Amino acid sequence: QVQLVESGGGLVQPGGSLRLSCAASGSIFRLNTMGWYRQAPGKERDLVAAITRGYNTNYADSVKGRFTISRDNVKNTVYLQMNSLRPEDTAVYYCNEVPPIVAYWGQGTQVTVSS
Protein backbone atom coordinates (compact mmCIF):
# COMPACT_ATOMS: atom_id res chain seq x y z
CA GLN A 1 0.00 0.00 0.00
CA VAL A 2 1.53 3.29 -1.12
CA GLN A 3 1.19 6.20 1.27
CA LEU A 4 2.06 9.83 0.51
CA VAL A 5 2.55 12.31 3.36
CA GLU A 6 2.89 16.02 2.61
CA SER A 7 4.50 18.56 4.96
CA GLY A 8 6.06 22.01 5.02
CA GLY A 9 3.06 24.26 4.55
CA GLY A 10 2.28 27.31 6.63
CA LEU A 11 1.50 31.01 6.67
CA VAL A 12 3.85 33.25 4.71
CA GLN A 13 3.79 36.86 3.58
CA PRO A 14 3.60 37.76 -0.11
CA GLY A 15 7.04 37.47 -1.67
CA GLY A 16 8.10 34.82 0.82
CA SER A 17 9.21 31.22 0.31
CA LEU A 18 8.26 27.75 1.47
CA ARG A 19 9.58 24.26 0.78
CA LEU A 20 7.11 21.41 0.69
CA SER A 21 8.05 17.77 1.11
CA CYS A 22 6.22 14.59 0.15
CA ALA A 23 7.42 11.35 1.66
CA ALA A 24 6.33 8.25 -0.20
CA SER A 25 6.28 4.69 1.01
CA GLY A 26 6.75 1.91 -1.48
CA SER A 27 9.40 1.42 -4.14
CA ILE A 28 6.98 2.29 -6.92
CA PHE A 29 7.89 5.93 -6.30
CA ARG A 30 11.14 5.57 -8.22
CA LEU A 31 9.40 4.41 -11.38
CA ASN A 32 6.78 7.04 -11.91
CA THR A 33 6.23 10.65 -12.76
CA MET A 34 5.34 12.54 -9.59
CA GLY A 35 3.52 15.81 -9.29
CA TRP A 36 2.38 18.52 -6.93
CA TYR A 37 -1.25 19.54 -7.11
CA ARG A 38 -3.14 22.29 -5.34
CA GLN A 39 -6.74 23.03 -4.53
CA ALA A 40 -8.02 26.43 -3.49
CA PRO A 41 -11.43 26.81 -1.79
CA GLY A 42 -14.23 26.39 -4.29
CA LYS A 43 -11.88 25.38 -7.10
CA GLU A 44 -10.75 22.18 -8.72
CA ARG A 45 -7.53 20.40 -7.85
CA ASP A 46 -4.91 21.32 -10.44
CA LEU A 47 -1.47 20.02 -11.29
CA VAL A 48 1.16 22.73 -10.79
CA ALA A 49 4.44 20.86 -11.23
CA ALA A 50 5.62 17.43 -12.37
CA ILE A 51 8.90 15.53 -12.50
CA THR A 52 9.64 12.34 -14.41
CA ARG A 53 11.80 9.48 -13.23
CA GLY A 54 14.45 10.97 -15.53
CA TYR A 55 14.19 14.31 -13.69
CA ASN A 56 12.50 16.18 -16.52
CA THR A 57 10.19 18.86 -15.13
CA ASN A 58 7.09 20.68 -16.24
CA TYR A 59 5.17 23.56 -14.65
CA ALA A 60 1.84 25.29 -14.89
CA ASP A 61 2.16 28.75 -16.39
CA SER A 62 0.99 30.31 -13.13
CA VAL A 63 4.03 29.04 -11.20
CA LYS A 64 6.69 28.89 -13.90
CA GLY A 65 9.85 30.68 -12.80
CA ARG A 66 8.78 30.73 -9.15
CA PHE A 67 8.36 27.07 -8.17
CA THR A 68 10.91 24.26 -8.51
CA ILE A 69 10.07 20.56 -8.20
CA SER A 70 12.73 18.00 -7.35
CA ARG A 71 12.93 14.41 -6.18
CA ASP A 72 15.24 12.16 -4.19
CA ASN A 73 14.71 8.57 -5.28
CA VAL A 74 16.85 7.23 -2.45
CA LYS A 75 14.73 8.95 0.19
CA ASN A 76 11.50 8.39 -1.78
CA THR A 77 10.72 12.08 -1.39
CA VAL A 78 9.57 14.79 -3.75
CA TYR A 79 9.97 18.48 -2.98
CA LEU A 80 8.42 21.75 -4.10
CA GLN A 81 10.44 24.91 -3.54
CA MET A 82 8.09 27.88 -3.76
CA ASN A 83 9.51 31.39 -4.09
CA SER A 84 7.93 34.80 -4.68
CA LEU A 85 4.67 33.52 -3.24
CA ARG A 86 1.46 35.37 -4.04
CA PRO A 87 -1.93 35.43 -2.32
CA GLU A 88 -3.35 33.44 -5.25
CA ASP A 89 -0.98 30.57 -4.35
CA THR A 90 -3.05 29.98 -1.22
CA ALA A 91 -4.34 26.41 -1.36
CA VAL A 92 -3.98 22.92 0.02
CA TYR A 93 -1.04 21.26 -1.73
CA TYR A 94 -0.95 17.54 -2.48
CA CYS A 95 1.48 15.19 -4.14
CA ASN A 96 0.55 12.20 -6.25
CA GLU A 97 1.56 10.37 -9.38
CA VAL A 98 0.85 11.90 -12.76
CA PRO A 99 -1.86 11.08 -13.70
CA PRO A 100 -3.04 10.79 -10.11
CA ILE A 101 -4.14 7.59 -8.44
CA VAL A 102 -7.23 8.18 -6.33
CA ALA A 103 -6.14 5.83 -3.56
CA TYR A 104 -2.88 7.74 -3.11
CA TRP A 105 -4.31 11.13 -2.15
CA GLY A 106 -3.08 12.23 1.26
CA GLN A 107 -4.35 14.98 3.52
CA GLY A 108 -2.22 17.64 1.89
CA THR A 109 -0.51 20.61 3.46
CA GLN A 110 -2.06 24.07 3.74
CA VAL A 111 -0.22 27.03 2.25
CA THR A 112 -1.56 30.48 3.09
CA VAL A 113 -0.03 33.59 1.57
CA SER A 114 -1.23 36.69 3.35
CA SER A 115 0.06 39.88 4.90
C-alpha atoms as a PDB file:
ATOM      1  CA  GLN A   1       0.000   0.000   0.000  1.00  0.00           C
ATOM      2  CA  VAL A   2       1.527   3.288  -1.124  1.00  0.00           C
ATOM      3  CA  GLN A   3       1.191   6.197   1.271  1.00  0.00           C
ATOM      4  CA  LEU A   4       2.058   9.834   0.510  1.00  0.00           C
ATOM      5  CA  VAL A   5       2.554  12.306   3.361  1.00  0.00           C
ATOM      6  CA  GLU A   6       2.895  16.018   2.611  1.00  0.00           C
ATOM      7  CA  SER A   7       4.498  18.557   4.958  1.00  0.00           C
ATOM      8  CA  GLY A   8       6.065  22.012   5.025  1.00  0.00           C
ATOM      9  CA  GLY A   9       3.063  24.259   4.547  1.00  0.00           C
ATOM     10  CA  GLY A  10       2.285  27.310   6.630  1.00  0.00           C
ATOM     11  CA  LEU A  11       1.495  31.009   6.674  1.00  0.00           C
ATOM     12  CA  VAL A  12       3.847  33.247   4.710  1.00  0.00           C
ATOM     13  CA  GLN A  13       3.790  36.857   3.578  1.00  0.00           C
ATOM     14  CA  PRO A  14       3.599  37.760  -0.112  1.00  0.00           C
ATOM     15  CA  GLY A  15       7.043  37.469  -1.666  1.00  0.00           C
ATOM     16  CA  GLY A  16       8.101  34.816   0.818  1.00  0.00           C
ATOM     17  CA  SER A  17       9.206  31.221   0.314  1.00  0.00           C
ATOM     18  CA  LEU A  18       8.255  27.747   1.475  1.00  0.00           C
ATOM     19  CA  ARG A  19       9.585  24.261   0.776  1.00  0.00           C
ATOM     20  CA  LEU A  20       7.112  21.415   0.694  1.00  0.00           C
ATOM     21  CA  SER A  21       8.047  17.769   1.110  1.00  0.00           C
ATOM     22  CA  CYS A  22       6.219  14.595   0.150  1.00  0.00           C
ATOM     23  CA  ALA A  23       7.422  11.348   1.664  1.00  0.00           C
ATOM     24  CA  ALA A  24       6.334   8.252  -0.198  1.00  0.00           C
ATOM     25  CA  SER A  25       6.279   4.686   1.011  1.00  0.00           C
ATOM     26  CA  GLY A  26       6.749   1.911  -1.481  1.00  0.00           C
ATOM     27  CA  SER A  27       9.395   1.425  -4.142  1.00  0.00           C
ATOM     28  CA  ILE A  28       6.976   2.292  -6.916  1.00  0.00           C
ATOM     29  CA  PHE A  29       7.886   5.930  -6.298  1.00  0.00           C
ATOM     30  CA  ARG A  30      11.141   5.565  -8.220  1.00  0.00           C
ATOM     31  CA  LEU A  31       9.402   4.412 -11.379  1.00  0.00           C
ATOM     32  CA  ASN A  32       6.779   7.037 -11.913  1.00  0.00           C
ATOM     33  CA  THR A  33       6.228  10.645 -12.758  1.00  0.00           C
ATOM     34  CA  MET A  34       5.343  12.535  -9.589  1.00  0.00           C
ATOM     35  CA  GLY A  35       3.522  15.815  -9.289  1.00  0.00           C
ATOM     36  CA  TRP A  36       2.376  18.518  -6.933  1.00  0.00           C
ATOM     37  CA  TYR A  37      -1.254  19.538  -7.109  1.00  0.00           C
ATOM     38  CA  ARG A  38      -3.144  22.289  -5.341  1.00  0.00           C
ATOM     39  CA  GLN A  39      -6.744  23.029  -4.534  1.00  0.00           C
ATOM     40  CA  ALA A  40      -8.024  26.430  -3.487  1.00  0.00           C
ATOM     41  CA  PRO A  41     -11.430  26.814  -1.789  1.00  0.00           C
ATOM     42  CA  GLY A  42     -14.230  26.388  -4.291  1.00  0.00           C
ATOM     43  CA  LYS A  43     -11.875  25.383  -7.101  1.00  0.00           C
ATOM     44  CA  GLU A  44     -10.755  22.176  -8.716  1.00  0.00           C
ATOM     45  CA  ARG A  45      -7.532  20.398  -7.846  1.00  0.00           C
ATOM     46  CA  ASP A  46      -4.915  21.318 -10.443  1.00  0.00           C
ATOM     47  CA  LEU A  47      -1.470  20.025 -11.292  1.00  0.00           C
ATOM     48  CA  VAL A  48       1.165  22.726 -10.786  1.00  0.00           C
ATOM     49  CA  ALA A  49       4.442  20.855 -11.234  1.00  0.00           C
ATOM     50  CA  ALA A  50       5.619  17.426 -12.369  1.00  0.00           C
ATOM     51  CA  ILE A  51       8.898  15.528 -12.501  1.00  0.00           C
ATOM     52  CA  THR A  52       9.635  12.336 -14.405  1.00  0.00           C
ATOM     53  CA  ARG A  53      11.805   9.475 -13.231  1.00  0.00           C
ATOM     54  CA  GLY A  54      14.451  10.973 -15.534  1.00  0.00           C
ATOM     55  CA  TYR A  55      14.194  14.311 -13.691  1.00  0.00           C
ATOM     56  CA  ASN A  56      12.499  16.182 -16.519  1.00  0.00           C
ATOM     57  CA  THR A  57      10.194  18.860 -15.128  1.00  0.00           C
ATOM     58  CA  ASN A  58       7.093  20.680 -16.236  1.00  0.00           C
ATOM     59  CA  TYR A  59       5.172  23.557 -14.648  1.00  0.00           C
ATOM     60  CA  ALA A  60       1.845  25.287 -14.890  1.00  0.00           C
ATOM     61  CA  ASP A  61       2.164  28.752 -16.387  1.00  0.00           C
ATOM     62  CA  SER A  62       0.986  30.310 -13.134  1.00  0.00           C
ATOM     63  CA  VAL A  63       4.027  29.042 -11.196  1.00  0.00           C
ATOM     64  CA  LYS A  64       6.693  28.886 -13.898  1.00  0.00           C
ATOM     65  CA  GLY A  65       9.850  30.683 -12.799  1.00  0.00           C
ATOM     66  CA  ARG A  66       8.782  30.733  -9.147  1.00  0.00           C
ATOM     67  CA  PHE A  67       8.359  27.069  -8.175  1.00  0.00           C
ATOM     68  CA  THR A  68      10.905  24.258  -8.509  1.00  0.00           C
ATOM     69  CA  ILE A  69      10.074  20.565  -8.203  1.00  0.00           C
ATOM     70  CA  SER A  70      12.726  18.001  -7.348  1.00  0.00           C
ATOM     71  CA  ARG A  71      12.934  14.407  -6.176  1.00  0.00           C
ATOM     72  CA  ASP A  72      15.235  12.157  -4.189  1.00  0.00           C
ATOM     73  CA  ASN A  73      14.706   8.572  -5.284  1.00  0.00           C
ATOM     74  CA  VAL A  74      16.848   7.229  -2.450  1.00  0.00           C
ATOM     75  CA  LYS A  75      14.729   8.948   0.194  1.00  0.00           C
ATOM     76  CA  ASN A  76      11.500   8.388  -1.776  1.00  0.00           C
ATOM     77  CA  THR A  77      10.718  12.076  -1.386  1.00  0.00           C
ATOM     78  CA  VAL A  78       9.566  14.794  -3.755  1.00  0.00           C
ATOM     79  CA  TYR A  79       9.968  18.482  -2.982  1.00  0.00           C
ATOM     80  CA  LEU A  80       8.423  21.749  -4.095  1.00  0.00           C
ATOM     81  CA  GLN A  81      10.437  24.913  -3.539  1.00  0.00           C
ATOM     82  CA  MET A  82       8.093  27.879  -3.761  1.00  0.00           C
ATOM     83  CA  ASN A  83       9.508  31.387  -4.093  1.00  0.00           C
ATOM     84  CA  SER A  84       7.932  34.800  -4.682  1.00  0.00           C
ATOM     85  CA  LEU A  85       4.670  33.523  -3.239  1.00  0.00           C
ATOM     86  CA  ARG A  86       1.464  35.366  -4.038  1.00  0.00           C
ATOM     87  CA  PRO A  87      -1.925  35.428  -2.325  1.00  0.00           C
ATOM     88  CA  GLU A  88      -3.346  33.438  -5.250  1.00  0.00           C
ATOM     89  CA  ASP A  89      -0.977  30.572  -4.352  1.00  0.00           C
ATOM     90  CA  THR A  90      -3.047  29.976  -1.223  1.00  0.00           C
ATOM     91  CA  ALA A  91      -4.343  26.408  -1.360  1.00  0.00           C
ATOM     92  CA  VAL A  92      -3.975  22.918   0.025  1.00  0.00           C
ATOM     93  CA  TYR A  93      -1.044  21.262  -1.727  1.00  0.00           C
ATOM     94  CA  TYR A  94      -0.954  17.540  -2.479  1.00  0.00           C
ATOM     95  CA  CYS A  95       1.477  15.189  -4.144  1.00  0.00           C
ATOM     96  CA  ASN A  96       0.550  12.200  -6.254  1.00  0.00           C
ATOM     97  CA  GLU A  97       1.563  10.374  -9.381  1.00  0.00           C
ATOM     98  CA  VAL A  98       0.851  11.903 -12.756  1.00  0.00           C
ATOM     99  CA  PRO A  99      -1.856  11.081 -13.699  1.00  0.00           C
ATOM    100  CA  PRO A 100      -3.044  10.795 -10.114  1.00  0.00           C
ATOM    101  CA  ILE A 101      -4.141   7.592  -8.442  1.00  0.00           C
ATOM    102  CA  VAL A 102      -7.234   8.177  -6.327  1.00  0.00           C
ATOM    103  CA  ALA A 103      -6.143   5.830  -3.563  1.00  0.00           C
ATOM    104  CA  TYR A 104      -2.882   7.741  -3.113  1.00  0.00           C
ATOM    105  CA  TRP A 105      -4.313  11.130  -2.146  1.00  0.00           C
ATOM    106  CA  GLY A 106      -3.080  12.230   1.262  1.00  0.00           C
ATOM    107  CA  GLN A 107      -4.354  14.984   3.518  1.00  0.00           C
ATOM    108  CA  GLY A 108      -2.215  17.639   1.887  1.00  0.00           C
ATOM    109  CA  THR A 109      -0.507  20.613   3.465  1.00  0.00           C
ATOM    110  CA  GLN A 110      -2.058  24.065   3.743  1.00  0.00           C
ATOM    111  CA  VAL A 111      -0.220  27.030   2.253  1.00  0.00           C
ATOM    112  CA  THR A 112      -1.556  30.477   3.094  1.00  0.00           C
ATOM    113  CA  VAL A 113      -0.028  33.592   1.571  1.00  0.00           C
ATOM    114  CA  SER A 114      -1.233  36.689   3.348  1.00  0.00           C
ATOM    115  CA  SER A 115       0.060  39.881   4.904  1.00  0.00           C
END
